[in-house]
Amino acid sequence: MRSILWSEPSKFDYWDNIDYLQREWTLTEVYAFIDKTNEVLDLLAKENLTFQPTNYKDTFQVPIIKQITLYYHINQNKDIELLRFWNNYQNPSKLRL
C-alpha cells in the first residue's frame, strides 16, 4: 500500500473547497466531496494505477467532482504526493504545481 502525502497547498485547497461548499451549498455537497476524495485516495493507495498524465513529470490529474480536480505526483518511493485540489473554474494559467 502506498503512502499518501499532503502538500501544504493541497491541505489549504481541500479545506478551502469545503469552506466554499458549506457557505454556498448544502452539507450533502460537502459530504459528497469528502466521500469522493476518500474514494480516490483509497484507490491511489491500494491500487497500482495512475490517472490522466499532465505535462509535469510523474504528475497526474483526476477529477474529484465536476468542479474540482486533484493533481498528484508519484515520488521516487512510489508514494503519492497530493499537490492541489484545483477548482476548475479558476484561470488555468494560475495553476502552479
PDB file of N, CA and C in Angstrom:
ATOM      1  N   MET A   1       0.846  -1.180   0.000  1.00  0.00           N
ATOM      2  CA  MET A   1       0.000   0.000   0.000  1.00  0.00           C
ATOM      3  C   MET A   1       0.889   1.240   0.000  1.00  0.00           C
ATOM      4  N   ARG A   2       0.572   2.178  -0.882  1.00  0.00           N
ATOM      5  CA  ARG A   2       1.373   3.393  -0.983  1.00  0.00           C
ATOM      6  C   ARG A   2       0.901   4.435   0.033  1.00  0.00           C
ATOM      7  N   SER A   3       1.839   5.237   0.493  1.00  0.00           N
ATOM      8  CA  SER A   3       1.507   6.319   1.421  1.00  0.00           C
ATOM      9  C   SER A   3       0.949   7.504   0.650  1.00  0.00           C
ATOM     10  N   ILE A   4       0.063   8.239   1.310  1.00  0.00           N
ATOM     11  CA  ILE A   4      -0.478   9.481   0.762  1.00  0.00           C
ATOM     12  C   ILE A   4       0.132  10.628   1.557  1.00  0.00           C
ATOM     13  N   LEU A   5       0.806  11.528   0.859  1.00  0.00           N
ATOM     14  CA  LEU A   5       1.442  12.684   1.484  1.00  0.00           C
ATOM     15  C   LEU A   5       0.724  13.946   1.024  1.00  0.00           C
ATOM     16  N   TRP A   6       0.349  14.796   1.964  1.00  0.00           N
ATOM     17  CA  TRP A   6      -0.361  16.030   1.644  1.00  0.00           C
ATOM     18  C   TRP A   6       0.621  17.200   1.637  1.00  0.00           C
ATOM     19  N   SER A   7       0.697  17.909   0.518  1.00  0.00           N
ATOM     20  CA  SER A   7       1.488  19.141   0.486  1.00  0.00           C
ATOM     21  C   SER A   7       0.684  20.238   1.187  1.00  0.00           C
ATOM     22  N   GLU A   8       1.352  21.303   1.571  1.00  0.00           N
ATOM     23  CA  GLU A   8       0.650  22.416   2.206  1.00  0.00           C
ATOM     24  C   GLU A   8      -0.408  23.018   1.279  1.00  0.00           C
ATOM     25  N   PRO A   9      -0.093  23.259  -0.015  1.00  0.00           N
ATOM     26  CA  PRO A   9      -1.149  23.783  -0.891  1.00  0.00           C
ATOM     27  C   PRO A   9      -2.354  22.843  -1.018  1.00  0.00           C
ATOM     28  N   SER A  10      -2.116  21.533  -1.019  1.00  0.00           N
ATOM     29  CA  SER A  10      -3.251  20.606  -1.137  1.00  0.00           C
ATOM     30  C   SER A  10      -4.134  20.662   0.108  1.00  0.00           C
ATOM     31  N   LYS A  11      -3.522  20.796   1.287  1.00  0.00           N
ATOM     32  CA  LYS A  11      -4.308  20.929   2.521  1.00  0.00           C
ATOM     33  C   LYS A  11      -5.151  22.202   2.475  1.00  0.00           C
ATOM     34  N   PHE A  12      -4.519  23.298   2.091  1.00  0.00           N
ATOM     35  CA  PHE A  12      -5.229  24.567   2.004  1.00  0.00           C
ATOM     36  C   PHE A  12      -6.380  24.477   1.009  1.00  0.00           C
ATOM     37  N   ASP A  13      -6.108  23.956  -0.188  1.00  0.00           N
ATOM     38  CA  ASP A  13      -7.140  23.827  -1.219  1.00  0.00           C
ATOM     39  C   ASP A  13      -8.313  22.973  -0.737  1.00  0.00           C
ATOM     40  N   TYR A  14      -7.988  21.845  -0.116  1.00  0.00           N
ATOM     41  CA  TYR A  14      -9.017  20.912   0.342  1.00  0.00           C
ATOM     42  C   TYR A  14      -9.977  21.614   1.306  1.00  0.00           C
ATOM     43  N   TRP A  15      -9.422  22.263   2.332  1.00  0.00           N
ATOM     44  CA  TRP A  15     -10.263  22.913   3.332  1.00  0.00           C
ATOM     45  C   TRP A  15     -10.946  24.158   2.769  1.00  0.00           C
ATOM     46  N   ASP A  16     -10.297  24.829   1.847  1.00  0.00           N
ATOM     47  CA  ASP A  16     -10.908  25.986   1.207  1.00  0.00           C
ATOM     48  C   ASP A  16     -12.128  25.553   0.386  1.00  0.00           C
ATOM     49  N   ASN A  17     -12.025  24.443  -0.304  1.00  0.00           N
ATOM     50  CA  ASN A  17     -13.164  23.922  -1.060  1.00  0.00           C
ATOM     51  C   ASN A  17     -14.307  23.506  -0.141  1.00  0.00           C
ATOM     52  N   ILE A  18     -13.978  22.905   0.972  1.00  0.00           N
ATOM     53  CA  ILE A  18     -15.018  22.523   1.943  1.00  0.00           C
ATOM     54  C   ILE A  18     -15.695  23.773   2.504  1.00  0.00           C
ATOM     55  N   ASP A  19     -14.912  24.792   2.847  1.00  0.00           N
ATOM     56  CA  ASP A  19     -15.494  26.047   3.343  1.00  0.00           C
ATOM     57  C   ASP A  19     -16.441  26.655   2.318  1.00  0.00           C
ATOM     58  N   TYR A  20     -16.011  26.655   1.061  1.00  0.00           N
ATOM     59  CA  TYR A  20     -16.858  27.195  -0.007  1.00  0.00           C
ATOM     60  C   TYR A  20     -18.169  26.408  -0.111  1.00  0.00           C
ATOM     61  N   LEU A  21     -18.076  25.097  -0.111  1.00  0.00           N
ATOM     62  CA  LEU A  21     -19.283  24.268  -0.218  1.00  0.00           C
ATOM     63  C   LEU A  21     -20.224  24.506   0.963  1.00  0.00           C
ATOM     64  N   GLN A  22     -19.671  24.699   2.146  1.00  0.00           N
ATOM     65  CA  GLN A  22     -20.507  24.966   3.318  1.00  0.00           C
ATOM     66  C   GLN A  22     -21.218  26.312   3.195  1.00  0.00           C
ATOM     67  N   ARG A  23     -20.521  27.307   2.656  1.00  0.00           N
ATOM     68  CA  ARG A  23     -21.110  28.642   2.511  1.00  0.00           C
ATOM     69  C   ARG A  23     -22.166  28.696   1.414  1.00  0.00           C
ATOM     70  N   GLU A  24     -21.867  28.075   0.275  1.00  0.00           N
ATOM     71  CA  GLU A  24     -22.685  28.265  -0.916  1.00  0.00           C
ATOM     72  C   GLU A  24     -23.645  27.118  -1.230  1.00  0.00           C
ATOM     73  N   TRP A  25     -23.422  25.944  -0.650  1.00  0.00           N
ATOM     74  CA  TRP A  25     -24.239  24.786  -0.980  1.00  0.00           C
ATOM     75  C   TRP A  25     -24.785  24.166   0.290  1.00  0.00           C
ATOM     76  N   THR A  26     -24.947  22.863   0.306  1.00  0.00           N
ATOM     77  CA  THR A  26     -25.506  22.191   1.478  1.00  0.00           C
ATOM     78  C   THR A  26     -24.512  21.158   2.004  1.00  0.00           C
ATOM     79  N   LEU A  27     -24.834  20.611   3.159  1.00  0.00           N
ATOM     80  CA  LEU A  27     -23.980  19.569   3.721  1.00  0.00           C
ATOM     81  C   LEU A  27     -23.916  18.342   2.823  1.00  0.00           C
ATOM     82  N   THR A  28     -24.935  18.116   2.035  1.00  0.00           N
ATOM     83  CA  THR A  28     -24.931  16.994   1.101  1.00  0.00           C
ATOM     84  C   THR A  28     -23.749  17.112   0.145  1.00  0.00           C
ATOM     85  N   GLU A  29     -23.528  18.307  -0.402  1.00  0.00           N
ATOM     86  CA  GLU A  29     -22.398  18.521  -1.316  1.00  0.00           C
ATOM     87  C   GLU A  29     -21.062  18.428  -0.592  1.00  0.00           C
ATOM     88  N   VAL A  30     -21.018  18.914   0.638  1.00  0.00           N
ATOM     89  CA  VAL A  30     -19.785  18.815   1.429  1.00  0.00           C
ATOM     90  C   VAL A  30     -19.428  17.348   1.625  1.00  0.00           C
ATOM     91  N   TYR A  31     -20.390  16.552   2.058  1.00  0.00           N
ATOM     92  CA  TYR A  31     -20.133  15.135   2.295  1.00  0.00           C
ATOM     93  C   TYR A  31     -19.805  14.393   1.007  1.00  0.00           C
ATOM     94  N   ALA A  32     -20.445  14.783  -0.084  1.00  0.00           N
ATOM     95  CA  ALA A  32     -20.155  14.140  -1.376  1.00  0.00           C
ATOM     96  C   ALA A  32     -18.701  14.406  -1.783  1.00  0.00           C
ATOM     97  N   PHE A  33     -18.239  15.633  -1.595  1.00  0.00           N
ATOM     98  CA  PHE A  33     -16.852  15.970  -1.908  1.00  0.00           C
ATOM     99  C   PHE A  33     -15.884  15.182  -1.026  1.00  0.00           C
ATOM    100  N   ILE A  34     -16.143  15.147   0.259  1.00  0.00           N
ATOM    101  CA  ILE A  34     -15.283  14.411   1.193  1.00  0.00           C
ATOM    102  C   ILE A  34     -15.274  12.922   0.844  1.00  0.00           C
ATOM    103  N   ASP A  35     -16.448  12.343   0.606  1.00  0.00           N
ATOM    104  CA  ASP A  35     -16.537  10.916   0.279  1.00  0.00           C
ATOM    105  C   ASP A  35     -15.804  10.592  -1.022  1.00  0.00           C
ATOM    106  N   LYS A  36     -16.008  11.408  -2.034  1.00  0.00           N
ATOM    107  CA  LYS A  36     -15.361  11.166  -3.321  1.00  0.00           C
ATOM    108  C   LYS A  36     -13.847  11.295  -3.190  1.00  0.00           C
ATOM    109  N   THR A  37     -13.391  12.282  -2.417  1.00  0.00           N
ATOM    110  CA  THR A  37     -11.955  12.433  -2.178  1.00  0.00           C
ATOM    111  C   THR A  37     -11.398  11.183  -1.511  1.00  0.00           C
ATOM    112  N   ASN A  38     -12.079  10.700  -0.498  1.00  0.00           N
ATOM    113  CA  ASN A  38     -11.625   9.492   0.203  1.00  0.00           C
ATOM    114  C   ASN A  38     -11.595   8.276  -0.717  1.00  0.00           C
ATOM    115  N   GLU A  39     -12.581   8.154  -1.592  1.00  0.00           N
ATOM    116  CA  GLU A  39     -12.607   7.041  -2.548  1.00  0.00           C
ATOM    117  C   GLU A  39     -11.395   7.086  -3.473  1.00  0.00           C
ATOM    118  N   VAL A  40     -11.101   8.256  -4.005  1.00  0.00           N
ATOM    119  CA  VAL A  40      -9.969   8.395  -4.923  1.00  0.00           C
ATOM    120  C   VAL A  40      -8.655   8.124  -4.185  1.00  0.00           C
ATOM    121  N   LEU A  41      -8.511   8.651  -2.977  1.00  0.00           N
ATOM    122  CA  LEU A  41      -7.278   8.428  -2.217  1.00  0.00           C
ATOM    123  C   LEU A  41      -7.105   6.952  -1.871  1.00  0.00           C
ATOM    124  N   ASP A  42      -8.197   6.271  -1.545  1.00  0.00           N
ATOM    125  CA  ASP A  42      -8.121   4.830  -1.284  1.00  0.00           C
ATOM    126  C   ASP A  42      -7.670   4.073  -2.528  1.00  0.00           C
ATOM    127  N   LEU A  43      -8.216   4.432  -3.679  1.00  0.00           N
ATOM    128  CA  LEU A  43      -7.801   3.797  -4.932  1.00  0.00           C
ATOM    129  C   LEU A  43      -6.307   4.013  -5.192  1.00  0.00           C
ATOM    130  N   LEU A  44      -5.861   5.236  -5.020  1.00  0.00           N
ATOM    131  CA  LEU A  44      -4.452   5.542  -5.264  1.00  0.00           C
ATOM    132  C   LEU A  44      -3.536   4.782  -4.306  1.00  0.00           C
ATOM    133  N   ALA A  45      -3.946   4.668  -3.059  1.00  0.00           N
ATOM    134  CA  ALA A  45      -3.107   4.000  -2.057  1.00  0.00           C
ATOM    135  C   ALA A  45      -3.080   2.486  -2.252  1.00  0.00           C
ATOM    136  N   LYS A  46      -4.208   1.894  -2.598  1.00  0.00           N
ATOM    137  CA  LYS A  46      -4.317   0.443  -2.650  1.00  0.00           C
ATOM    138  C   LYS A  46      -3.994  -0.159  -4.007  1.00  0.00           C
ATOM    139  N   GLU A  47      -4.307   0.551  -5.059  1.00  0.00           N
ATOM    140  CA  GLU A  47      -4.152   0.002  -6.404  1.00  0.00           C
ATOM    141  C   GLU A  47      -2.893   0.548  -7.064  1.00  0.00           C
ATOM    142  N   ASN A  48      -2.373  -0.228  -7.957  1.00  0.00           N
ATOM    143  CA  ASN A  48      -1.221   0.224  -8.733  1.00  0.00           C
ATOM    144  C   ASN A  48      -1.750   0.851 -10.029  1.00  0.00           C
ATOM    145  N   LEU A  49      -2.318   2.044  -9.895  1.00  0.00           N
ATOM    146  CA  LEU A  49      -2.906   2.695 -11.055  1.00  0.00           C
ATOM    147  C   LEU A  49      -2.532   4.164 -11.070  1.00  0.00           C
ATOM    148  N   THR A  50      -2.672   4.750 -12.228  1.00  0.00           N
ATOM    149  CA  THR A  50      -2.480   6.189 -12.376  1.00  0.00           C
ATOM    150  C   THR A  50      -3.648   6.728 -13.185  1.00  0.00           C
ATOM    151  N   PHE A  51      -3.852   8.021 -13.067  1.00  0.00           N
ATOM    152  CA  PHE A  51      -4.909   8.673 -13.826  1.00  0.00           C
ATOM    153  C   PHE A  51      -4.275   9.474 -14.953  1.00  0.00           C
ATOM    154  N   GLN A  52      -4.969  10.439 -15.483  1.00  0.00           N
ATOM    155  CA  GLN A  52      -4.528  11.171 -16.657  1.00  0.00           C
ATOM    156  C   GLN A  52      -3.208  11.910 -16.400  1.00  0.00           C
ATOM    157  N   PRO A  53      -2.196  11.679 -17.249  1.00  0.00           N
ATOM    158  CA  PRO A  53      -0.918  12.378 -17.062  1.00  0.00           C
ATOM    159  C   PRO A  53      -1.049  13.866 -17.379  1.00  0.00           C
ATOM    160  N   THR A  54      -0.164  14.651 -16.783  1.00  0.00           N
ATOM    161  CA  THR A  54      -0.078  16.082 -17.071  1.00  0.00           C
ATOM    162  C   THR A  54       1.235  16.339 -17.805  1.00  0.00           C
ATOM    163  N   ASN A  55       1.526  17.583 -18.048  1.00  0.00           N
ATOM    164  CA  ASN A  55       2.785  17.945 -18.706  1.00  0.00           C
ATOM    165  C   ASN A  55       3.975  17.933 -17.746  1.00  0.00           C
ATOM    166  N   TYR A  56       3.715  17.679 -16.474  1.00  0.00           N
ATOM    167  CA  TYR A  56       4.769  17.605 -15.465  1.00  0.00           C
ATOM    168  C   TYR A  56       5.177  16.147 -15.264  1.00  0.00           C
ATOM    169  N   LYS A  57       6.458  15.918 -15.065  1.00  0.00           N
ATOM    170  CA  LYS A  57       6.977  14.554 -14.904  1.00  0.00           C
ATOM    171  C   LYS A  57       6.363  13.865 -13.684  1.00  0.00           C
ATOM    172  N   ASP A  58       5.879  12.639 -13.892  1.00  0.00           N
ATOM    173  CA  ASP A  58       5.298  11.810 -12.832  1.00  0.00           C
ATOM    174  C   ASP A  58       4.149  12.499 -12.088  1.00  0.00           C
ATOM    175  N   THR A  59       3.445  13.382 -12.772  1.00  0.00           N
ATOM    176  CA  THR A  59       2.337  14.119 -12.172  1.00  0.00           C
ATOM    177  C   THR A  59       1.072  13.830 -12.970  1.00  0.00           C
ATOM    178  N   PHE A  60      -0.008  13.602 -12.229  1.00  0.00           N
ATOM    179  CA  PHE A  60      -1.266  13.156 -12.831  1.00  0.00           C
ATOM    180  C   PHE A  60      -2.429  13.972 -12.288  1.00  0.00           C
ATOM    181  N   GLN A  61      -3.559  13.864 -12.969  1.00  0.00           N
ATOM    182  CA  GLN A  61      -4.765  14.553 -12.521  1.00  0.00           C
ATOM    183  C   GLN A  61      -5.954  13.609 -12.551  1.00  0.00           C
ATOM    184  N   VAL A  62      -6.872  13.848 -11.620  1.00  0.00           N
ATOM    185  CA  VAL A  62      -8.098  13.064 -11.564  1.00  0.00           C
ATOM    186  C   VAL A  62      -9.214  13.977 -11.062  1.00  0.00           C
ATOM    187  N   PRO A  63     -10.361  13.995 -11.743  1.00  0.00           N
ATOM    188  CA  PRO A  63     -11.471  14.797 -11.236  1.00  0.00           C
ATOM    189  C   PRO A  63     -12.045  14.165  -9.968  1.00  0.00           C
ATOM    190  N   ILE A  64     -12.225  14.994  -8.957  1.00  0.00           N
ATOM    191  CA  ILE A  64     -12.867  14.538  -7.723  1.00  0.00           C
ATOM    192  C   ILE A  64     -14.377  14.701  -7.879  1.00  0.00           C
ATOM    193  N   ILE A  65     -14.767  15.915  -8.208  1.00  0.00           N
ATOM    194  CA  ILE A  65     -16.126  16.213  -8.638  1.00  0.00           C
ATOM    195  C   ILE A  65     -15.974  17.067  -9.889  1.00  0.00           C
ATOM    196  N   LYS A  66     -17.063  17.374 -10.540  1.00  0.00           N
ATOM    197  CA  LYS A  66     -17.001  18.108 -11.814  1.00  0.00           C
ATOM    198  C   LYS A  66     -16.187  19.401 -11.688  1.00  0.00           C
ATOM    199  N   GLN A  67     -16.289  20.069 -10.564  1.00  0.00           N
ATOM    200  CA  GLN A  67     -15.667  21.370 -10.394  1.00  0.00           C
ATOM    201  C   GLN A  67     -14.236  21.325  -9.839  1.00  0.00           C
ATOM    202  N   ILE A  68     -13.794  20.192  -9.312  1.00  0.00           N
ATOM    203  CA  ILE A  68     -12.500  20.127  -8.618  1.00  0.00           C
ATOM    204  C   ILE A  68     -11.675  18.953  -9.123  1.00  0.00           C
ATOM    205  N   THR A  69     -10.434  19.250  -9.492  1.00  0.00           N
ATOM    206  CA  THR A  69      -9.501  18.237  -9.976  1.00  0.00           C
ATOM    207  C   THR A  69      -8.352  18.115  -8.987  1.00  0.00           C
ATOM    208  N   LEU A  70      -8.005  16.873  -8.665  1.00  0.00           N
ATOM    209  CA  LEU A  70      -6.846  16.599  -7.822  1.00  0.00           C
ATOM    210  C   LEU A  70      -5.628  16.399  -8.712  1.00  0.00           C
ATOM    211  N   TYR A  71      -4.549  17.107  -8.395  1.00  0.00           N
ATOM    212  CA  TYR A  71      -3.259  16.908  -9.041  1.00  0.00           C
ATOM    213  C   TYR A  71      -2.346  16.242  -8.030  1.00  0.00           C
ATOM    214  N   TYR A  72      -1.669  15.194  -8.478  1.00  0.00           N
ATOM    215  CA  TYR A  72      -0.783  14.466  -7.570  1.00  0.00           C
ATOM    216  C   TYR A  72       0.480  14.026  -8.302  1.00  0.00           C
ATOM    217  N   HIS A  73       1.492  13.751  -7.506  1.00  0.00           N
ATOM    218  CA  HIS A  73       2.804  13.352  -8.015  1.00  0.00           C
ATOM    219  C   HIS A  73       3.166  12.010  -7.399  1.00  0.00           C
ATOM    220  N   ILE A  74       3.796  11.144  -8.172  1.00  0.00           N
ATOM    221  CA  ILE A  74       4.323   9.881  -7.637  1.00  0.00           C
ATOM    222  C   ILE A  74       5.815  10.088  -7.436  1.00  0.00           C
ATOM    223  N   ASN A  75       6.257  10.028  -6.178  1.00  0.00           N
ATOM    224  CA  ASN A  75       7.661  10.310  -5.893  1.00  0.00           C
ATOM    225  C   ASN A  75       8.538   9.071  -6.096  1.00  0.00           C
ATOM    226  N   GLN A  76       9.824   9.207  -5.793  1.00  0.00           N
ATOM    227  CA  GLN A  76      10.787   8.125  -6.032  1.00  0.00           C
ATOM    228  C   GLN A  76      10.490   6.876  -5.223  1.00  0.00           C
ATOM    229  N   ASN A  77       9.837   7.036  -4.068  1.00  0.00           N
ATOM    230  CA  ASN A  77       9.474   5.890  -3.234  1.00  0.00           C
ATOM    231  C   ASN A  77       8.141   5.277  -3.640  1.00  0.00           C
ATOM    232  N   LYS A  78       7.561   5.793  -4.745  1.00  0.00           N
ATOM    233  CA  LYS A  78       6.250   5.347  -5.248  1.00  0.00           C
ATOM    234  C   LYS A  78       5.105   5.772  -4.339  1.00  0.00           C
ATOM    235  N   ASP A  79       5.373   6.748  -3.449  1.00  0.00           N
ATOM    236  CA  ASP A  79       4.311   7.320  -2.628  1.00  0.00           C
ATOM    237  C   ASP A  79       3.565   8.371  -3.442  1.00  0.00           C
ATOM    238  N   ILE A  80       2.348   8.665  -3.024  1.00  0.00           N
ATOM    239  CA  ILE A  80       1.508   9.658  -3.694  1.00  0.00           C
ATOM    240  C   ILE A  80       1.618  10.967  -2.929  1.00  0.00           C
ATOM    241  N   GLU A  81       2.043  12.012  -3.620  1.00  0.00           N
ATOM    242  CA  GLU A  81       2.089  13.340  -3.011  1.00  0.00           C
ATOM    243  C   GLU A  81       0.982  14.184  -3.631  1.00  0.00           C
ATOM    244  N   LEU A  82       0.021  14.577  -2.807  1.00  0.00           N
ATOM    245  CA  LEU A  82      -1.076  15.413  -3.281  1.00  0.00           C
ATOM    246  C   LEU A  82      -0.552  16.832  -3.457  1.00  0.00           C
ATOM    247  N   LEU A  83      -0.786  17.400  -4.630  1.00  0.00           N
ATOM    248  CA  LEU A  83      -0.257  18.729  -4.930  1.00  0.00           C
ATOM    249  C   LEU A  83      -1.316  19.819  -4.798  1.00  0.00           C
ATOM    250  N   ARG A  84      -2.446  19.629  -5.464  1.00  0.00           N
ATOM    251  CA  ARG A  84      -3.502  20.653  -5.447  1.00  0.00           C
ATOM    252  C   ARG A  84      -4.871  19.998  -5.617  1.00  0.00           C
ATOM    253  N   PHE A  85      -5.875  20.610  -5.002  1.00  0.00           N
ATOM    254  CA  PHE A  85      -7.274  20.344  -5.297  1.00  0.00           C
ATOM    255  C   PHE A  85      -7.748  21.594  -6.026  1.00  0.00           C
ATOM    256  N   TRP A  86      -7.667  21.572  -7.340  1.00  0.00           N
ATOM    257  CA  TRP A  86      -7.853  22.763  -8.157  1.00  0.00           C
ATOM    258  C   TRP A  86      -9.306  22.940  -8.572  1.00  0.00           C
ATOM    259  N   ASN A  87      -9.847  24.131  -8.292  1.00  0.00           N
ATOM    260  CA  ASN A  87     -11.192  24.461  -8.744  1.00  0.00           C
ATOM    261  C   ASN A  87     -11.114  24.769 -10.232  1.00  0.00           C
ATOM    262  N   ASN A  88     -11.806  24.011 -11.039  1.00  0.00           N
ATOM    263  CA  ASN A  88     -11.711  24.112 -12.491  1.00  0.00           C
ATOM    264  C   ASN A  88     -12.254  25.416 -13.062  1.00  0.00           C
ATOM    265  N   TYR A  89     -12.954  26.200 -12.258  1.00  0.00           N
ATOM    266  CA  TYR A  89     -13.473  27.480 -12.728  1.00  0.00           C
ATOM    267  C   TYR A  89     -12.440  28.596 -12.610  1.00  0.00           C
ATOM    268  N   GLN A  90     -11.299  28.291 -11.991  1.00  0.00           N
ATOM    269  CA  GLN A  90     -10.228  29.274 -11.898  1.00  0.00           C
ATOM    270  C   GLN A  90      -9.472  29.346 -13.220  1.00  0.00           C
ATOM    271  N   ASN A  91      -8.721  30.405 -13.371  1.00  0.00           N
ATOM    272  CA  ASN A  91      -7.901  30.587 -14.562  1.00  0.00           C
ATOM    273  C   ASN A  91      -6.809  29.515 -14.580  1.00  0.00           C
ATOM    274  N   PRO A  92      -6.775  28.632 -15.580  1.00  0.00           N
ATOM    275  CA  PRO A  92      -5.788  27.544 -15.603  1.00  0.00           C
ATOM    276  C   PRO A  92      -4.342  28.039 -15.658  1.00  0.00           C
ATOM    277  N   SER A  93      -4.126  29.239 -16.151  1.00  0.00           N
ATOM    278  CA  SER A  93      -2.754  29.756 -16.198  1.00  0.00           C
ATOM    279  C   SER A  93      -2.211  30.074 -14.812  1.00  0.00           C
ATOM    280  N   LYS A  94      -3.079  30.122 -13.801  1.00  0.00           N
ATOM    281  CA  LYS A  94      -2.638  30.385 -12.426  1.00  0.00           C
ATOM    282  C   LYS A  94      -2.264  29.111 -11.667  1.00  0.00           C
ATOM    283  N   LEU A  95      -2.516  27.972 -12.269  1.00  0.00           N
ATOM    284  CA  LEU A  95      -2.201  26.703 -11.608  1.00  0.00           C
ATOM    285  C   LEU A  95      -0.696  26.523 -11.519  1.00  0.00           C
ATOM    286  N   ARG A  96      -0.206  26.357 -10.307  1.00  0.00           N
ATOM    287  CA  ARG A  96       1.221  26.101 -10.057  1.00  0.00           C
ATOM    288  C   ARG A  96       1.357  24.791  -9.282  1.00  0.00           C
ATOM    289  N   LEU A  97       2.104  23.885  -9.863  1.00  0.00           N
ATOM    290  CA  LEU A  97       2.302  22.587  -9.215  1.00  0.00           C
ATOM    291  C   LEU A  97       3.665  22.518  -8.640  1.00  0.00           C
TER     292      LEU A  97
END
